[in-house]
Amino acid sequence: MRVEQIAAKALKKMKNDRYKLALVVAKRAEELANGAEALVDLDKNKNKFTDIALYEIAEDKITLEGFIETSK
């Protein structure tokens, strides 16, 4: 699947709120950069952290509610 399609699917999961999506992607990408394991089968050495975060959201591995709870 292309990044544009993944981004559209992830945006839909965030109820079309671009700002919430950007917040979750940025926070999750930071976690991945700091050594967190990816929740999807993508190589962190071959994919950008933001792309991995988008894919995790699109595949329901991360939800806004669950992400905010675990970030506190």
N, C-alpha and C. Protein backbone atom coordinates (compact mmCIF):
# COMPACT_ATOMS: atom_id res chain seq x y z
N MET A 1 0.84 -1.17 0.00
CA MET A 1 0.00 0.00 0.00
C MET A 1 0.90 1.24 0.00
N ARG A 2 0.50 2.24 -0.74
CA ARG A 2 1.28 3.48 -0.83
C ARG A 2 1.10 4.32 0.42
N VAL A 3 2.07 5.16 0.70
CA VAL A 3 2.04 6.01 1.89
C VAL A 3 0.80 6.90 1.89
N GLU A 4 0.40 7.39 0.74
CA GLU A 4 -0.78 8.26 0.66
C GLU A 4 -2.04 7.51 1.09
N GLN A 5 -2.14 6.25 0.70
CA GLN A 5 -3.29 5.44 1.08
C GLN A 5 -3.27 5.15 2.57
N ILE A 6 -2.09 4.86 3.10
CA ILE A 6 -1.95 4.60 4.52
C ILE A 6 -2.32 5.85 5.32
N ALA A 7 -1.83 7.00 4.87
CA ALA A 7 -2.13 8.26 5.55
C ALA A 7 -3.63 8.55 5.54
N ALA A 8 -4.29 8.29 4.43
CA ALA A 8 -5.73 8.50 4.34
C ALA A 8 -6.48 7.57 5.29
N LYS A 9 -6.05 6.33 5.36
CA LYS A 9 -6.69 5.36 6.26
C LYS A 9 -6.46 5.77 7.72
N ALA A 10 -5.24 6.20 8.05
CA ALA A 10 -4.93 6.65 9.41
C ALA A 10 -5.74 7.89 9.77
N LEU A 11 -5.89 8.81 8.83
CA LEU A 11 -6.67 10.01 9.07
C LEU A 11 -8.13 9.65 9.36
N LYS A 12 -8.64 8.69 8.63
CA LYS A 12 -10.01 8.23 8.86
C LYS A 12 -10.15 7.65 10.27
N LYS A 13 -9.14 6.92 10.73
CA LYS A 13 -9.16 6.34 12.07
C LYS A 13 -9.17 7.43 13.14
N MET A 14 -8.61 8.60 12.83
CA MET A 14 -8.59 9.73 13.76
C MET A 14 -9.77 10.67 13.52
N LYS A 15 -10.79 10.15 12.89
CA LYS A 15 -12.03 10.89 12.62
C LYS A 15 -11.77 12.16 11.82
N ASN A 16 -10.84 12.07 10.88
CA ASN A 16 -10.49 13.15 9.96
C ASN A 16 -9.96 14.40 10.64
N ASP A 17 -9.38 14.24 11.82
CA ASP A 17 -8.77 15.36 12.52
C ASP A 17 -7.26 15.33 12.27
N ARG A 18 -6.81 16.19 11.35
CA ARG A 18 -5.39 16.21 10.96
C ARG A 18 -4.47 16.55 12.13
N TYR A 19 -4.95 17.38 13.02
CA TYR A 19 -4.11 17.82 14.13
C TYR A 19 -3.87 16.69 15.14
N LYS A 20 -4.91 15.94 15.42
CA LYS A 20 -4.75 14.78 16.31
C LYS A 20 -3.83 13.75 15.66
N LEU A 21 -4.02 13.53 14.38
CA LEU A 21 -3.18 12.58 13.67
C LEU A 21 -1.72 13.02 13.72
N ALA A 22 -1.47 14.29 13.47
CA ALA A 22 -0.10 14.81 13.50
C ALA A 22 0.51 14.65 14.89
N LEU A 23 -0.27 14.89 15.93
CA LEU A 23 0.21 14.77 17.30
C LEU A 23 0.60 13.33 17.62
N VAL A 24 -0.27 12.39 17.28
CA VAL A 24 -0.02 10.99 17.58
C VAL A 24 1.16 10.46 16.75
N VAL A 25 1.22 10.83 15.48
CA VAL A 25 2.32 10.38 14.63
C VAL A 25 3.65 10.92 15.16
N ALA A 26 3.68 12.19 15.52
CA ALA A 26 4.93 12.78 16.02
C ALA A 26 5.38 12.10 17.31
N LYS A 27 4.45 11.89 18.22
CA LYS A 27 4.79 11.28 19.50
C LYS A 27 5.24 9.83 19.32
N ARG A 28 4.53 9.09 18.47
CA ARG A 28 4.89 7.70 18.24
C ARG A 28 6.23 7.59 17.49
N ALA A 29 6.46 8.47 16.53
CA ALA A 29 7.72 8.47 15.80
C ALA A 29 8.88 8.75 16.75
N GLU A 30 8.67 9.62 17.72
CA GLU A 30 9.69 9.91 18.72
C GLU A 30 9.98 8.66 19.55
N GLU A 31 8.94 7.94 19.94
CA GLU A 31 9.12 6.70 20.69
C GLU A 31 9.93 5.69 19.88
N LEU A 32 9.58 5.55 18.60
CA LEU A 32 10.31 4.62 17.73
C LEU A 32 11.77 5.02 17.59
N ALA A 33 12.02 6.31 17.48
CA ALA A 33 13.39 6.80 17.36
C ALA A 33 14.20 6.53 18.63
N ASN A 34 13.50 6.47 19.76
CA ASN A 34 14.15 6.22 21.04
C ASN A 34 14.22 4.74 21.39
N GLY A 35 13.90 3.87 20.41
CA GLY A 35 14.11 2.45 20.61
C GLY A 35 12.88 1.59 20.81
N ALA A 36 11.69 2.17 20.79
CA ALA A 36 10.47 1.37 20.95
C ALA A 36 10.33 0.39 19.78
N GLU A 37 9.76 -0.75 20.05
CA GLU A 37 9.54 -1.75 19.01
C GLU A 37 8.33 -1.37 18.17
N ALA A 38 8.44 -1.55 16.88
CA ALA A 38 7.32 -1.30 15.97
C ALA A 38 6.23 -2.34 16.20
N LEU A 39 4.99 -1.93 16.13
CA LEU A 39 3.85 -2.82 16.33
C LEU A 39 3.40 -3.48 15.03
N VAL A 40 4.05 -3.13 13.95
CA VAL A 40 3.77 -3.71 12.64
C VAL A 40 5.07 -4.28 12.08
N ASP A 41 4.94 -5.10 11.08
CA ASP A 41 6.11 -5.77 10.51
C ASP A 41 6.76 -4.90 9.44
N LEU A 42 7.40 -3.82 9.88
CA LEU A 42 8.14 -2.94 8.98
C LEU A 42 9.53 -2.74 9.57
N ASP A 43 10.53 -2.73 8.73
CA ASP A 43 11.91 -2.56 9.16
C ASP A 43 12.19 -1.10 9.48
N LYS A 44 12.60 -0.83 10.72
CA LYS A 44 12.89 0.55 11.13
C LYS A 44 14.09 1.13 10.39
N ASN A 45 14.94 0.27 9.84
CA ASN A 45 16.10 0.75 9.10
C ASN A 45 15.77 1.12 7.65
N LYS A 46 14.64 0.65 7.16
CA LYS A 46 14.27 0.91 5.77
C LYS A 46 13.08 1.85 5.62
N ASN A 47 12.40 2.14 6.72
CA ASN A 47 11.21 2.98 6.68
C ASN A 47 11.37 4.14 7.66
N LYS A 48 10.76 5.26 7.32
CA LYS A 48 10.79 6.41 8.21
C LYS A 48 9.91 6.11 9.42
N PHE A 49 10.29 6.66 10.56
CA PHE A 49 9.51 6.44 11.77
C PHE A 49 8.09 6.97 11.63
N THR A 50 7.93 8.08 10.92
CA THR A 50 6.59 8.62 10.72
C THR A 50 5.73 7.69 9.87
N ASP A 51 6.33 7.06 8.88
CA ASP A 51 5.59 6.11 8.05
C ASP A 51 5.16 4.89 8.86
N ILE A 52 6.04 4.43 9.73
CA ILE A 52 5.71 3.29 10.59
C ILE A 52 4.56 3.67 11.52
N ALA A 53 4.63 4.87 12.10
CA ALA A 53 3.57 5.34 12.99
C ALA A 53 2.24 5.43 12.25
N LEU A 54 2.24 5.96 11.04
CA LEU A 54 1.01 6.03 10.24
C LEU A 54 0.45 4.64 9.99
N TYR A 55 1.32 3.71 9.66
CA TYR A 55 0.88 2.34 9.38
C TYR A 55 0.29 1.71 10.65
N GLU A 56 0.91 1.97 11.80
CA GLU A 56 0.38 1.44 13.05
C GLU A 56 -1.02 1.98 13.33
N ILE A 57 -1.23 3.25 13.07
CA ILE A 57 -2.55 3.86 13.27
C ILE A 57 -3.56 3.28 12.28
N ALA A 58 -3.16 3.18 11.03
CA ALA A 58 -4.05 2.66 9.98
C ALA A 58 -4.46 1.22 10.27
N GLU A 59 -3.59 0.45 10.90
CA GLU A 59 -3.86 -0.96 11.21
C GLU A 59 -4.45 -1.15 12.61
N ASP A 60 -4.90 -0.08 13.23
CA ASP A 60 -5.51 -0.11 14.56
C ASP A 60 -4.60 -0.65 15.65
N LYS A 61 -3.31 -0.52 15.48
CA LYS A 61 -2.36 -0.93 16.52
C LYS A 61 -2.24 0.18 17.56
N ILE A 62 -2.54 1.40 17.15
CA ILE A 62 -2.51 2.56 18.05
C ILE A 62 -3.81 3.32 17.84
N THR A 63 -4.46 3.65 18.95
CA THR A 63 -5.64 4.51 18.90
C THR A 63 -5.33 5.77 19.69
N LEU A 64 -6.04 6.81 19.42
CA LEU A 64 -5.81 8.06 20.13
C LEU A 64 -6.02 7.87 21.62
N GLU A 65 -7.11 7.22 22.00
CA GLU A 65 -7.41 7.03 23.41
C GLU A 65 -6.34 6.19 24.10
N GLY A 66 -5.97 5.09 23.50
CA GLY A 66 -4.96 4.23 24.09
C GLY A 66 -3.59 4.87 24.13
N PHE A 67 -3.29 5.67 23.13
CA PHE A 67 -1.99 6.30 23.06
C PHE A 67 -1.85 7.38 24.12
N ILE A 68 -2.88 8.15 24.33
CA ILE A 68 -2.84 9.22 25.35
C ILE A 68 -2.70 8.60 26.74
N GLU A 69 -3.39 7.50 26.99
CA GLU A 69 -3.32 6.84 28.30
C GLU A 69 -1.92 6.31 28.58
N THR A 70 -1.26 5.71 27.58
CA THR A 70 0.05 5.14 27.81
C THR A 70 1.15 6.19 27.81
N SER A 71 0.88 7.38 27.30
CA SER A 71 1.88 8.43 27.24
C SER A 71 2.04 9.18 28.57
N LYS A 72 1.03 9.07 29.44
CA LYS A 72 1.06 9.83 30.70
C LYS A 72 2.04 9.28 31.68
